[in-house]
């Protein structure tokens, strides 16, 4: 989708693909509105993809810190005998993220292992994202592998339906 001489610029009000010299290659105002009526099978243009990539990566790279943001309400629903600890987050509409209600599953070592949500911009289908291969970058632990699958009616990922695959390398924070 991208090119080595381009970058994506994301705000909730605007998505743009720019050349590294700041010339605009493509732009869309109110980018979330451009998904109206979309379903999982609706084709995306490069600005749709840029919006989703930026919104998703922001969510992934700020977790768990985003759970402490103003306006985010977090509760711990009963686990129903589950092995992982569950935090359910209710996001205000002012935060660009997959869905207003999302579940975060943490293992005994307090690392995020699964992120459960609906993808509003694609018809609201359920997704389960598995995270693994943690590294430490400047004292912060983060998963370097993320695999998002369509979620079945039992809330488990359908492993034959991989939607997104992300591998992070050479992570650091400044």
N, C-alpha and C. Protein backbone atom coordinates (compact mmCIF):
# COMPACT_ATOMS: atom_id res chain seq x y z
N UNK A 1 0.82 -1.19 0.00
CA UNK A 1 0.00 0.00 0.00
C UNK A 1 0.86 1.25 0.00
N UNK A 2 1.87 1.28 0.84
CA UNK A 2 2.70 2.46 0.95
C UNK A 2 3.87 2.43 0.00
N UNK A 3 4.66 3.46 0.10
CA UNK A 3 5.87 3.57 -0.70
C UNK A 3 6.96 4.14 0.20
N UNK A 4 8.23 3.83 -0.10
CA UNK A 4 9.31 4.29 0.77
C UNK A 4 9.40 5.81 0.90
N UNK A 5 8.86 6.53 -0.08
CA UNK A 5 8.95 8.00 -0.03
C UNK A 5 7.65 8.63 0.48
N UNK A 6 6.81 7.83 1.17
CA UNK A 6 5.54 8.35 1.67
C UNK A 6 5.39 8.05 3.16
N UNK A 7 4.47 8.82 3.79
CA UNK A 7 4.10 8.58 5.18
C UNK A 7 2.61 8.85 5.32
N UNK A 8 2.02 8.30 6.36
CA UNK A 8 0.62 8.54 6.64
C UNK A 8 0.52 9.53 7.80
N UNK A 9 -0.40 10.45 7.69
CA UNK A 9 -0.65 11.44 8.74
C UNK A 9 -2.10 11.25 9.19
N UNK A 10 -2.28 10.97 10.48
CA UNK A 10 -3.58 10.59 11.00
C UNK A 10 -4.01 11.49 12.14
N UNK A 11 -5.23 11.99 12.05
CA UNK A 11 -5.95 12.58 13.16
C UNK A 11 -7.39 12.08 13.00
N UNK A 12 -8.20 12.15 14.03
CA UNK A 12 -9.60 11.73 13.86
C UNK A 12 -10.33 12.50 12.76
N UNK A 13 -9.89 13.73 12.49
CA UNK A 13 -10.56 14.57 11.49
C UNK A 13 -10.01 14.42 10.09
N UNK A 14 -8.82 13.79 9.95
CA UNK A 14 -8.16 13.79 8.64
C UNK A 14 -7.20 12.63 8.53
N UNK A 15 -7.20 11.99 7.37
CA UNK A 15 -6.17 11.01 7.03
C UNK A 15 -5.51 11.51 5.75
N UNK A 16 -4.20 11.44 5.71
CA UNK A 16 -3.49 11.90 4.51
C UNK A 16 -2.31 10.98 4.25
N UNK A 17 -2.01 10.82 3.00
CA UNK A 17 -0.78 10.17 2.57
C UNK A 17 0.06 11.28 1.95
N UNK A 18 1.25 11.46 2.52
CA UNK A 18 2.11 12.56 2.08
C UNK A 18 3.44 12.01 1.61
N UNK A 19 4.06 12.73 0.69
CA UNK A 19 5.44 12.46 0.32
C UNK A 19 6.32 12.93 1.48
N UNK A 20 7.52 12.42 1.57
CA UNK A 20 8.41 12.82 2.66
C UNK A 20 8.77 14.29 2.62
N UNK A 21 8.62 14.93 1.45
CA UNK A 21 8.87 16.37 1.35
C UNK A 21 7.60 17.18 1.68
N UNK A 22 6.59 16.51 2.28
CA UNK A 22 5.34 17.11 2.75
C UNK A 22 4.31 17.40 1.66
N UNK A 23 4.59 17.05 0.40
CA UNK A 23 3.56 17.21 -0.63
C UNK A 23 2.49 16.14 -0.41
N UNK A 24 1.24 16.52 -0.52
CA UNK A 24 0.12 15.62 -0.29
C UNK A 24 -0.11 14.73 -1.50
N UNK A 25 -0.17 13.41 -1.27
CA UNK A 25 -0.48 12.46 -2.34
C UNK A 25 -1.97 12.14 -2.36
N UNK A 26 -2.60 12.13 -1.18
CA UNK A 26 -4.03 11.86 -1.07
C UNK A 26 -4.49 12.32 0.31
N UNK A 27 -5.76 12.73 0.40
CA UNK A 27 -6.27 13.22 1.68
C UNK A 27 -7.77 12.98 1.76
N UNK A 28 -8.24 12.74 2.98
CA UNK A 28 -9.69 12.62 3.21
C UNK A 28 -10.02 13.26 4.55
N UNK A 29 -10.99 14.16 4.53
CA UNK A 29 -11.50 14.76 5.76
C UNK A 29 -12.60 13.85 6.30
N UNK A 30 -12.83 13.86 7.61
CA UNK A 30 -13.83 13.00 8.26
C UNK A 30 -13.69 11.55 7.78
N UNK A 31 -12.51 10.96 7.95
CA UNK A 31 -12.26 9.64 7.36
C UNK A 31 -13.16 8.54 7.88
N UNK A 32 -13.56 8.61 9.13
CA UNK A 32 -14.43 7.56 9.67
C UNK A 32 -15.76 7.51 8.92
N UNK A 33 -16.27 8.67 8.52
CA UNK A 33 -17.54 8.74 7.79
C UNK A 33 -17.48 8.00 6.46
N UNK A 34 -16.29 7.87 5.88
CA UNK A 34 -16.17 7.22 4.58
C UNK A 34 -16.43 5.71 4.65
N UNK A 35 -16.55 5.16 5.85
CA UNK A 35 -16.84 3.73 6.03
C UNK A 35 -18.33 3.45 6.16
N UNK A 36 -19.17 4.46 6.10
CA UNK A 36 -20.62 4.28 6.26
C UNK A 36 -21.13 3.20 5.30
N UNK A 37 -21.84 2.24 5.84
CA UNK A 37 -22.40 1.17 5.03
C UNK A 37 -21.45 0.04 4.70
N UNK A 38 -20.19 0.15 5.10
CA UNK A 38 -19.21 -0.91 4.80
C UNK A 38 -19.53 -2.19 5.57
N UNK A 39 -19.23 -3.30 4.94
CA UNK A 39 -19.28 -4.62 5.56
C UNK A 39 -17.88 -5.22 5.45
N UNK A 40 -17.70 -6.43 5.99
CA UNK A 40 -16.38 -7.06 5.96
C UNK A 40 -15.86 -7.21 4.54
N UNK A 41 -16.73 -7.42 3.58
CA UNK A 41 -16.29 -7.66 2.20
C UNK A 41 -16.21 -6.40 1.33
N UNK A 42 -16.54 -5.23 1.88
CA UNK A 42 -16.48 -4.00 1.10
C UNK A 42 -15.03 -3.65 0.77
N UNK A 43 -14.72 -3.41 -0.50
CA UNK A 43 -13.34 -3.03 -0.86
C UNK A 43 -12.95 -1.69 -0.25
N UNK A 44 -11.68 -1.56 0.11
CA UNK A 44 -11.14 -0.32 0.65
C UNK A 44 -10.20 0.30 -0.37
N UNK A 45 -10.17 1.63 -0.38
CA UNK A 45 -9.13 2.32 -1.14
C UNK A 45 -7.94 2.55 -0.21
N UNK A 46 -6.90 3.19 -0.72
CA UNK A 46 -5.69 3.33 0.10
C UNK A 46 -5.87 4.25 1.29
N UNK A 47 -6.81 5.20 1.23
CA UNK A 47 -7.08 6.04 2.38
C UNK A 47 -7.87 5.30 3.46
N UNK A 48 -8.76 4.39 3.06
CA UNK A 48 -9.42 3.53 4.04
C UNK A 48 -8.37 2.70 4.78
N UNK A 49 -7.47 2.10 4.02
CA UNK A 49 -6.42 1.28 4.63
C UNK A 49 -5.52 2.10 5.54
N UNK A 50 -5.16 3.29 5.10
CA UNK A 50 -4.30 4.16 5.91
C UNK A 50 -5.00 4.51 7.23
N UNK A 51 -6.29 4.85 7.17
CA UNK A 51 -7.04 5.18 8.38
C UNK A 51 -7.04 4.00 9.33
N UNK A 52 -7.42 2.82 8.83
CA UNK A 52 -7.49 1.65 9.70
C UNK A 52 -6.12 1.33 10.29
N UNK A 53 -5.08 1.36 9.46
CA UNK A 53 -3.73 1.05 9.96
C UNK A 53 -3.32 2.00 11.07
N UNK A 54 -3.55 3.28 10.88
CA UNK A 54 -3.14 4.26 11.89
C UNK A 54 -3.97 4.13 13.17
N UNK A 55 -5.29 4.03 13.01
CA UNK A 55 -6.17 3.90 14.18
C UNK A 55 -5.84 2.63 14.95
N UNK A 56 -5.64 1.53 14.24
CA UNK A 56 -5.35 0.25 14.90
C UNK A 56 -3.99 0.27 15.59
N UNK A 57 -2.95 0.71 14.89
CA UNK A 57 -1.62 0.72 15.49
C UNK A 57 -1.56 1.65 16.70
N UNK A 58 -2.25 2.77 16.64
CA UNK A 58 -2.28 3.65 17.81
C UNK A 58 -2.86 2.89 18.99
N UNK A 59 -3.98 2.19 18.78
CA UNK A 59 -4.60 1.41 19.86
C UNK A 59 -3.64 0.36 20.39
N UNK A 60 -3.02 -0.39 19.48
CA UNK A 60 -2.15 -1.49 19.88
C UNK A 60 -0.91 -1.00 20.63
N UNK A 61 -0.30 0.06 20.13
CA UNK A 61 0.96 0.52 20.73
C UNK A 61 0.75 1.33 22.01
N UNK A 62 -0.46 1.77 22.28
CA UNK A 62 -0.71 2.50 23.52
C UNK A 62 -1.35 1.63 24.60
N UNK A 63 -1.72 0.40 24.27
CA UNK A 63 -2.27 -0.53 25.27
C UNK A 63 -1.13 -1.01 26.15
N UNK A 64 -1.26 -1.01 27.46
CA UNK A 64 -2.45 -0.78 28.29
C UNK A 64 -2.64 0.67 28.74
N UNK A 65 -1.73 1.57 28.34
CA UNK A 65 -1.79 2.95 28.83
C UNK A 65 -3.08 3.64 28.44
N UNK A 66 -3.64 3.32 27.29
CA UNK A 66 -4.87 3.98 26.85
C UNK A 66 -6.03 3.68 27.78
N UNK A 67 -5.95 2.59 28.53
CA UNK A 67 -7.02 2.24 29.47
C UNK A 67 -7.10 3.23 30.63
N UNK A 68 -6.07 4.04 30.83
CA UNK A 68 -6.06 5.04 31.90
C UNK A 68 -6.39 6.44 31.39
N UNK A 69 -6.73 6.57 30.12
CA UNK A 69 -7.03 7.89 29.55
C UNK A 69 -8.34 8.45 30.09
N UNK A 70 -8.44 9.78 30.11
CA UNK A 70 -9.67 10.43 30.53
C UNK A 70 -10.83 9.94 29.68
N UNK A 71 -11.93 9.63 30.34
CA UNK A 71 -13.13 9.21 29.64
C UNK A 71 -13.24 7.72 29.41
N UNK A 72 -12.15 6.97 29.59
CA UNK A 72 -12.20 5.51 29.42
C UNK A 72 -12.62 4.90 30.75
N UNK A 73 -13.65 4.08 30.72
CA UNK A 73 -14.12 3.39 31.92
C UNK A 73 -13.75 1.92 31.79
N UNK A 74 -13.16 1.37 32.82
CA UNK A 74 -12.71 -0.02 32.80
C UNK A 74 -13.38 -0.78 33.94
N UNK A 75 -13.83 -1.98 33.63
CA UNK A 75 -14.40 -2.85 34.67
C UNK A 75 -13.84 -4.25 34.49
N UNK A 76 -13.94 -5.02 35.53
CA UNK A 76 -13.48 -6.41 35.47
C UNK A 76 -14.70 -7.31 35.55
N UNK A 77 -15.18 -7.79 34.40
CA UNK A 77 -16.36 -8.67 34.42
C UNK A 77 -16.00 -10.02 35.04
N UNK A 78 -17.02 -10.75 35.49
CA UNK A 78 -16.73 -12.07 36.05
C UNK A 78 -16.10 -12.92 34.96
N UNK A 79 -15.09 -13.67 35.33
CA UNK A 79 -14.31 -14.42 34.34
C UNK A 79 -14.98 -15.70 33.89
N UNK A 80 -15.96 -16.17 34.62
CA UNK A 80 -16.63 -17.41 34.21
C UNK A 80 -15.68 -18.59 34.17
N UNK A 81 -14.69 -18.59 35.06
CA UNK A 81 -13.74 -19.69 35.12
C UNK A 81 -12.61 -19.60 34.11
N UNK A 82 -12.47 -18.45 33.42
CA UNK A 82 -11.41 -18.32 32.43
C UNK A 82 -10.05 -18.23 33.10
N UNK A 83 -9.04 -18.66 32.37
CA UNK A 83 -7.66 -18.62 32.87
C UNK A 83 -7.13 -17.20 32.90
N UNK A 84 -7.45 -16.41 31.91
CA UNK A 84 -6.92 -15.05 31.80
C UNK A 84 -7.80 -14.06 32.55
N UNK A 85 -7.18 -12.98 33.01
CA UNK A 85 -7.91 -11.89 33.65
C UNK A 85 -8.46 -10.99 32.56
N UNK A 86 -9.71 -10.60 32.71
CA UNK A 86 -10.37 -9.80 31.68
C UNK A 86 -10.61 -8.39 32.19
N UNK A 87 -10.27 -7.41 31.36
CA UNK A 87 -10.66 -6.03 31.59
C UNK A 87 -11.53 -5.60 30.42
N UNK A 88 -12.69 -5.08 30.72
CA UNK A 88 -13.58 -4.56 29.68
C UNK A 88 -13.47 -3.04 29.71
N UNK A 89 -13.17 -2.47 28.57
CA UNK A 89 -13.00 -1.02 28.46
C UNK A 89 -14.15 -0.43 27.67
N UNK A 90 -14.68 0.68 28.17
CA UNK A 90 -15.71 1.46 27.50
C UNK A 90 -15.07 2.78 27.08
N UNK A 91 -14.96 2.98 25.77
CA UNK A 91 -14.27 4.15 25.24
C UNK A 91 -15.27 5.25 24.89
N UNK A 92 -14.89 6.50 25.14
CA UNK A 92 -15.75 7.60 24.70
C UNK A 92 -15.63 7.75 23.18
N UNK A 93 -16.62 8.33 22.57
CA UNK A 93 -16.60 8.51 21.12
C UNK A 93 -15.48 9.40 20.64
N UNK A 94 -14.85 10.13 21.54
CA UNK A 94 -13.76 11.03 21.15
C UNK A 94 -12.45 10.29 20.88
N UNK A 95 -12.36 9.02 21.25
CA UNK A 95 -11.15 8.23 21.01
C UNK A 95 -11.38 7.35 19.80
N UNK A 96 -10.51 7.49 18.80
CA UNK A 96 -10.61 6.67 17.59
C UNK A 96 -10.04 5.29 17.89
N UNK A 97 -10.89 4.30 17.89
CA UNK A 97 -10.48 2.92 18.14
C UNK A 97 -11.52 2.01 17.51
N UNK A 98 -11.27 0.70 17.53
CA UNK A 98 -12.12 -0.25 16.81
C UNK A 98 -13.60 -0.18 17.20
N UNK A 99 -13.87 -0.11 18.50
CA UNK A 99 -15.24 -0.20 18.98
C UNK A 99 -15.31 0.47 20.34
N UNK A 100 -16.48 0.92 20.74
CA UNK A 100 -16.62 1.60 22.02
C UNK A 100 -16.47 0.66 23.22
N UNK A 101 -16.68 -0.66 23.01
CA UNK A 101 -16.50 -1.65 24.08
C UNK A 101 -15.52 -2.70 23.59
N UNK A 102 -14.46 -2.91 24.37
CA UNK A 102 -13.44 -3.89 23.99
C UNK A 102 -13.01 -4.66 25.23
N UNK A 103 -12.61 -5.92 25.03
CA UNK A 103 -12.12 -6.76 26.12
C UNK A 103 -10.64 -7.02 25.93
N UNK A 104 -9.91 -6.94 27.03
CA UNK A 104 -8.47 -7.18 27.04
C UNK A 104 -8.21 -8.33 28.01
N UNK A 105 -7.57 -9.38 27.53
CA UNK A 105 -7.31 -10.57 28.33
C UNK A 105 -5.83 -10.62 28.69
N UNK A 106 -5.54 -10.65 29.99
CA UNK A 106 -4.17 -10.67 30.49
C UNK A 106 -3.88 -12.00 31.17
N UNK A 107 -2.69 -12.54 30.93
CA UNK A 107 -2.29 -13.81 31.55
C UNK A 107 -1.78 -13.55 32.96
N UNK A 108 -1.40 -14.62 33.64
CA UNK A 108 -0.91 -14.52 35.02
C UNK A 108 0.30 -13.59 35.14
N UNK A 109 1.13 -13.49 34.08
CA UNK A 109 2.29 -12.60 34.12
C UNK A 109 1.92 -11.15 33.76
N UNK A 110 0.61 -10.88 33.65
CA UNK A 110 0.04 -9.57 33.37
C UNK A 110 0.36 -9.04 31.97
N UNK A 111 0.70 -9.93 31.05
CA UNK A 111 0.92 -9.54 29.66
C UNK A 111 -0.39 -9.73 28.90
N UNK A 112 -0.69 -8.80 28.00
CA UNK A 112 -1.87 -8.91 27.16
C UNK A 112 -1.71 -10.13 26.27
N UNK A 113 -2.70 -10.99 26.24
CA UNK A 113 -2.65 -12.20 25.41
C UNK A 113 -3.71 -12.21 24.32
N UNK A 114 -4.83 -11.52 24.57
CA UNK A 114 -5.90 -11.47 23.57
C UNK A 114 -6.63 -10.14 23.70
N UNK A 115 -6.98 -9.58 22.56
CA UNK A 115 -7.73 -8.33 22.49
C UNK A 115 -8.97 -8.65 21.67
N UNK A 116 -10.12 -8.46 22.28
CA UNK A 116 -11.40 -8.89 21.71
C UNK A 116 -12.24 -7.64 21.43
N UNK A 117 -12.73 -7.49 20.20
CA UNK A 117 -13.46 -6.27 19.83
C UNK A 117 -14.32 -6.52 18.60
N UNK A 118 -15.09 -5.54 18.25
CA UNK A 118 -15.84 -5.53 16.98
C UNK A 118 -15.20 -4.47 16.09
N UNK A 119 -15.19 -4.72 14.79
CA UNK A 119 -14.61 -3.78 13.85
C UNK A 119 -15.76 -2.95 13.26
N UNK A 120 -16.04 -1.83 13.91
CA UNK A 120 -17.17 -0.98 13.51
C UNK A 120 -17.11 -0.54 12.06
N UNK A 121 -15.93 -0.19 11.58
CA UNK A 121 -15.83 0.37 10.23
C UNK A 121 -16.05 -0.67 9.14
N UNK A 122 -16.14 -1.95 9.53
CA UNK A 122 -16.37 -3.01 8.54
C UNK A 122 -17.60 -3.83 8.92
N UNK A 123 -18.65 -3.16 9.32
CA UNK A 123 -19.91 -3.83 9.61
C UNK A 123 -20.03 -4.39 11.00
N UNK A 124 -19.04 -4.18 11.85
CA UNK A 124 -19.12 -4.61 13.24
C UNK A 124 -18.84 -6.08 13.48
N UNK A 125 -18.11 -6.75 12.56
CA UNK A 125 -17.82 -8.16 12.80
C UNK A 125 -16.89 -8.31 14.00
N UNK A 126 -17.00 -9.44 14.68
CA UNK A 126 -16.18 -9.71 15.86
C UNK A 126 -14.79 -10.15 15.48
N UNK A 127 -13.80 -9.67 16.23
CA UNK A 127 -12.41 -10.05 16.00
C UNK A 127 -11.76 -10.41 17.33
N UNK A 128 -10.83 -11.35 17.26
CA UNK A 128 -10.01 -11.72 18.42
C UNK A 128 -8.56 -11.63 17.97
N UNK A 129 -7.81 -10.78 18.65
CA UNK A 129 -6.41 -10.59 18.28
C UNK A 129 -5.52 -11.25 19.34
N UNK A 130 -4.71 -12.19 18.91
CA UNK A 130 -3.78 -12.87 19.80
C UNK A 130 -2.43 -12.17 19.75
N UNK A 131 -1.82 -11.97 20.92
CA UNK A 131 -0.54 -11.29 21.00
C UNK A 131 0.49 -12.23 21.63
N UNK A 132 1.75 -12.11 21.18
CA UNK A 132 2.80 -13.00 21.70
C UNK A 132 4.17 -12.40 21.42
N UNK A 133 5.18 -13.14 21.81
CA UNK A 133 6.59 -12.80 21.57
C UNK A 133 6.93 -11.41 22.11
N UNK A 134 6.84 -11.28 23.41
CA UNK A 134 7.11 -10.01 24.07
C UNK A 134 8.60 -9.68 24.08
N UNK A 135 8.89 -8.38 23.94
CA UNK A 135 10.25 -7.85 24.09
C UNK A 135 10.16 -6.66 25.03
N UNK A 136 11.31 -6.25 25.55
CA UNK A 136 11.36 -5.06 26.37
C UNK A 136 12.07 -3.96 25.59
N UNK A 137 11.43 -2.80 25.54
CA UNK A 137 12.00 -1.64 24.85
C UNK A 137 11.98 -0.47 25.82
N UNK A 138 13.14 -0.02 26.24
CA UNK A 138 13.24 1.10 27.17
C UNK A 138 12.38 0.90 28.42
N UNK A 139 12.37 -0.34 28.94
CA UNK A 139 11.64 -0.65 30.15
C UNK A 139 10.17 -0.97 29.96
N UNK A 140 9.69 -0.90 28.74
CA UNK A 140 8.28 -1.20 28.45
C UNK A 140 8.21 -2.51 27.69
N UNK A 141 7.38 -3.43 28.18
CA UNK A 141 7.21 -4.72 27.51
C UNK A 141 6.06 -4.62 26.51
N UNK A 142 6.31 -5.13 25.30
CA UNK A 142 5.26 -5.10 24.28
C UNK A 142 5.35 -6.35 23.42
N UNK A 143 4.17 -6.79 22.92
CA UNK A 143 4.17 -7.96 22.04
C UNK A 143 4.67 -7.58 20.65
N UNK A 144 5.48 -8.45 20.06
CA UNK A 144 5.98 -8.17 18.72
C UNK A 144 5.17 -8.90 17.65
N UNK A 145 4.31 -9.82 18.06
CA UNK A 145 3.44 -10.51 17.12
C UNK A 145 1.99 -10.29 17.50
N UNK A 146 1.21 -9.92 16.49
CA UNK A 146 -0.23 -9.74 16.66
C UNK A 146 -0.91 -10.42 15.48
N UNK A 147 -1.87 -11.25 15.80
CA UNK A 147 -2.64 -11.95 14.77
C UNK A 147 -4.12 -11.76 15.08
N UNK A 148 -4.83 -11.07 14.19
CA UNK A 148 -6.26 -10.82 14.38
C UNK A 148 -7.06 -11.75 13.49
N UNK A 149 -7.99 -12.44 14.11
CA UNK A 149 -8.84 -13.42 13.42
C UNK A 149 -10.29 -13.01 13.58
N UNK A 150 -11.10 -13.43 12.63
CA UNK A 150 -12.54 -13.31 12.82
C UNK A 150 -12.90 -14.17 14.02
N UNK A 151 -13.84 -13.68 14.81
CA UNK A 151 -14.23 -14.36 16.03
C UNK A 151 -15.51 -15.15 15.79
N UNK A 152 -15.55 -16.36 16.30
CA UNK A 152 -16.74 -17.20 16.16
C UNK A 152 -17.78 -16.87 17.20
N UNK A 153 -18.95 -17.52 17.13
CA UNK A 153 -20.03 -17.26 18.09
C UNK A 153 -19.64 -17.62 19.53
N UNK A 154 -18.65 -18.49 19.67
CA UNK A 154 -18.16 -18.86 21.01
C UNK A 154 -17.10 -17.88 21.51
N UNK A 155 -16.89 -16.78 20.78
CA UNK A 155 -15.93 -15.72 21.08
C UNK A 155 -14.48 -16.14 20.86
N UNK A 156 -14.25 -17.32 20.33
CA UNK A 156 -12.89 -17.79 20.07
C UNK A 156 -12.48 -17.41 18.65
N UNK A 157 -11.17 -17.19 18.44
CA UNK A 157 -10.73 -16.86 17.08
C UNK A 157 -10.90 -18.04 16.13
N UNK A 158 -11.30 -17.75 14.92
CA UNK A 158 -11.38 -18.77 13.87
C UNK A 158 -10.03 -18.73 13.17
N UNK A 159 -9.15 -19.66 13.51
CA UNK A 159 -7.76 -19.60 13.07
C UNK A 159 -7.59 -19.71 11.56
N UNK A 160 -8.61 -20.19 10.86
CA UNK A 160 -8.56 -20.26 9.40
C UNK A 160 -8.91 -18.91 8.76
N UNK A 161 -9.31 -17.93 9.57
CA UNK A 161 -9.75 -16.63 9.04
C UNK A 161 -8.86 -15.51 9.58
N UNK A 162 -7.58 -15.56 9.24
CA UNK A 162 -6.64 -14.51 9.64
C UNK A 162 -6.99 -13.23 8.89
N UNK A 163 -7.19 -12.14 9.63
CA UNK A 163 -7.55 -10.86 9.03
C UNK A 163 -6.35 -9.91 8.96
N UNK A 164 -5.55 -9.89 10.04
CA UNK A 164 -4.42 -8.98 10.13
C UNK A 164 -3.26 -9.69 10.79
N UNK A 165 -2.07 -9.50 10.23
CA UNK A 165 -0.85 -10.07 10.80
C UNK A 165 0.17 -8.94 10.95
N UNK A 166 0.63 -8.70 12.18
CA UNK A 166 1.58 -7.63 12.45
C UNK A 166 2.79 -8.22 13.15
N UNK A 167 3.97 -7.92 12.65
CA UNK A 167 5.24 -8.29 13.29
C UNK A 167 6.02 -7.01 13.50
N UNK A 168 6.44 -6.78 14.72
CA UNK A 168 7.19 -5.58 15.08
C UNK A 168 8.62 -5.98 15.37
N UNK A 169 9.57 -5.22 14.84
CA UNK A 169 10.98 -5.50 15.12
C UNK A 169 11.67 -4.19 15.47
N UNK A 170 12.76 -4.30 16.19
CA UNK A 170 13.59 -3.15 16.51
C UNK A 170 12.80 -2.04 17.19
N UNK A 171 12.07 -2.40 18.26
CA UNK A 171 11.24 -1.43 18.96
C UNK A 171 12.06 -0.63 19.97
N UNK A 172 11.79 0.67 20.03
CA UNK A 172 12.38 1.52 21.06
C UNK A 172 11.47 2.72 21.27
N UNK A 173 11.57 3.32 22.44
CA UNK A 173 10.79 4.51 22.78
C UNK A 173 11.74 5.62 23.18
N UNK A 174 11.44 6.83 22.76
CA UNK A 174 12.28 7.97 23.13
C UNK A 174 11.42 9.05 23.76
